[in-house]
Amino acid sequence: MIVTEQVTDKLRKLPIAAQEEVLDFVEFLLEKSARRDKSFENGRLAGAQKAQAIERWAKSHPLETPVILDDRREIIYED
């Protein structure tokens, strides 16, 4: 017996008031799931926007920029 059949069978055995409580609980779970999905999607969108901003920043810098091979303080800041 699959879960939906088990739930339906047990739900039928409950009094109407208890069935209404079960319905309220199921609706609560559905709303909670929808909020979680929306939150996840918003986080993913925010992450994508951040990645795009970083990519734009990286592309705005020329590839010919000299690289400092020796980054010791003494080399960078000649006294």
Foldseek 3Di string as FASTA:
>chain_A
DDPVVVVVVVLVVDDPVVNVVVVVVVVVVVVVVVVVVVVVVVVVVVVVVVVVVVVVVVVVDDPPPDDDPDPDPCVVDPD
